[in-house]
Amino acid sequence: MLHQGELLTLQRHFQYHIQNAVPVEVRRGSTHVDMGVLTAVDESFAELQGTLYNRKVFTFISRPGY
């Protein structure tokens, strides 16, 4: 669905990554915060391996192949 380096912005982007276990990178501004597989998502938060990230504060980037 999304290519390497594309931003996850829509709910369906997050759902696709959860269903297919596609890794994502979490960034805050230009700073790398985390990388891994999403385990849950709603309109406000995304859970990555047990840690909740606010979708308005953090940026999520598709990283297939990691």
C-alpha atoms as a PDB file:
ATOM      1  CA  MET A   1       0.000   0.000   0.000  1.00  0.00           C
ATOM      2  CA  LEU A   2       2.514   2.640   1.119  1.00  0.00           C
ATOM      3  CA  HIS A   3       6.101   2.689  -0.053  1.00  0.00           C
ATOM      4  CA  GLN A   4       9.286   3.017   1.975  1.00  0.00           C
ATOM      5  CA  GLY A   5       9.374   6.405   3.687  1.00  0.00           C
ATOM      6  CA  GLU A   6       5.737   7.403   3.136  1.00  0.00           C
ATOM      7  CA  LEU A   7       3.771   8.918   6.023  1.00  0.00           C
ATOM      8  CA  LEU A   8       0.874   7.100   7.637  1.00  0.00           C
ATOM      9  CA  THR A   9      -1.916   9.653   7.849  1.00  0.00           C
ATOM     10  CA  LEU A  10      -5.201   7.846   7.321  1.00  0.00           C
ATOM     11  CA  GLN A  11      -6.824   5.233   9.548  1.00  0.00           C
ATOM     12  CA  ARG A  12      -6.628   2.731   6.680  1.00  0.00           C
ATOM     13  CA  HIS A  13      -2.840   3.250   6.457  1.00  0.00           C
ATOM     14  CA  PHE A  14      -2.485   2.247  10.119  1.00  0.00           C
ATOM     15  CA  GLN A  15      -4.882  -0.702   9.724  1.00  0.00           C
ATOM     16  CA  TYR A  16      -2.954  -1.986   6.705  1.00  0.00           C
ATOM     17  CA  HIS A  17       0.307  -1.885   8.653  1.00  0.00           C
ATOM     18  CA  ILE A  18      -1.261  -3.724  11.602  1.00  0.00           C
ATOM     19  CA  GLN A  19      -2.890  -6.415   9.434  1.00  0.00           C
ATOM     20  CA  ASN A  20       0.271  -7.032   7.422  1.00  0.00           C
ATOM     21  CA  ALA A  21       2.820  -6.511  10.227  1.00  0.00           C
ATOM     22  CA  VAL A  22       4.641  -3.854   8.206  1.00  0.00           C
ATOM     23  CA  PRO A  23       7.185  -2.027  10.393  1.00  0.00           C
ATOM     24  CA  VAL A  24       6.855   1.691  11.031  1.00  0.00           C
ATOM     25  CA  GLU A  25       9.248   4.316  12.288  1.00  0.00           C
ATOM     26  CA  VAL A  26       8.027   6.771  14.919  1.00  0.00           C
ATOM     27  CA  ARG A  27       9.491  10.280  14.813  1.00  0.00           C
ATOM     28  CA  ARG A  28       8.950  13.451  16.794  1.00  0.00           C
ATOM     29  CA  GLY A  29       9.926  16.266  14.498  1.00  0.00           C
ATOM     30  CA  SER A  30      13.211  15.189  12.948  1.00  0.00           C
ATOM     31  CA  THR A  31      14.130  12.901  15.862  1.00  0.00           C
ATOM     32  CA  HIS A  32      13.852   9.114  15.612  1.00  0.00           C
ATOM     33  CA  VAL A  33      11.907   7.744  18.595  1.00  0.00           C
ATOM     34  CA  ASP A  34      11.116   4.092  17.885  1.00  0.00           C
ATOM     35  CA  MET A  35      10.694   1.465  15.174  1.00  0.00           C
ATOM     36  CA  GLY A  36       8.640  -1.707  15.122  1.00  0.00           C
ATOM     37  CA  VAL A  37       5.246  -3.216  14.386  1.00  0.00           C
ATOM     38  CA  LEU A  38       1.996  -1.511  15.327  1.00  0.00           C
ATOM     39  CA  THR A  39      -0.248  -3.550  17.613  1.00  0.00           C
ATOM     40  CA  ALA A  40      -3.299  -1.245  17.905  1.00  0.00           C
ATOM     41  CA  VAL A  41      -4.593   2.096  16.694  1.00  0.00           C
ATOM     42  CA  ASP A  42      -7.519   4.453  17.185  1.00  0.00           C
ATOM     43  CA  GLU A  43      -8.175   8.030  16.086  1.00  0.00           C
ATOM     44  CA  SER A  44      -5.910   9.477  18.800  1.00  0.00           C
ATOM     45  CA  PHE A  45      -3.196   6.927  19.576  1.00  0.00           C
ATOM     46  CA  ALA A  46      -1.098   4.243  17.930  1.00  0.00           C
ATOM     47  CA  GLU A  47       0.402   1.419  19.979  1.00  0.00           C
ATOM     48  CA  LEU A  48       3.818   0.163  18.997  1.00  0.00           C
ATOM     49  CA  GLN A  49       4.992  -2.865  20.963  1.00  0.00           C
ATOM     50  CA  GLY A  50       3.228  -1.816  24.167  1.00  0.00           C
ATOM     51  CA  THR A  51       3.947   1.930  24.001  1.00  0.00           C
ATOM     52  CA  LEU A  52       1.219   4.433  23.131  1.00  0.00           C
ATOM     53  CA  TYR A  53       2.059   7.325  20.836  1.00  0.00           C
ATOM     54  CA  ASN A  54      -0.233  10.298  20.305  1.00  0.00           C
ATOM     55  CA  ARG A  55      -0.955  10.584  16.575  1.00  0.00           C
ATOM     56  CA  LYS A  56      -1.028  14.395  16.789  1.00  0.00           C
ATOM     57  CA  VAL A  57       2.417  14.599  18.397  1.00  0.00           C
ATOM     58  CA  PHE A  58       4.347  11.876  16.562  1.00  0.00           C
ATOM     59  CA  THR A  59       4.873  11.095  12.876  1.00  0.00           C
ATOM     60  CA  PHE A  60       4.588   7.516  11.610  1.00  0.00           C
ATOM     61  CA  ILE A  61       6.573   6.429   8.573  1.00  0.00           C
ATOM     62  CA  SER A  62       6.223   3.192   6.618  1.00  0.00           C
ATOM     63  CA  ARG A  63       9.395   1.103   6.793  1.00  0.00           C
ATOM     64  CA  PRO A  64       8.738  -2.192   4.972  1.00  0.00           C
ATOM     65  CA  GLY A  65      11.679  -4.536   4.981  1.00  0.00           C
ATOM     66  CA  TYR A  66      13.009  -3.628   8.447  1.00  0.00           C
END
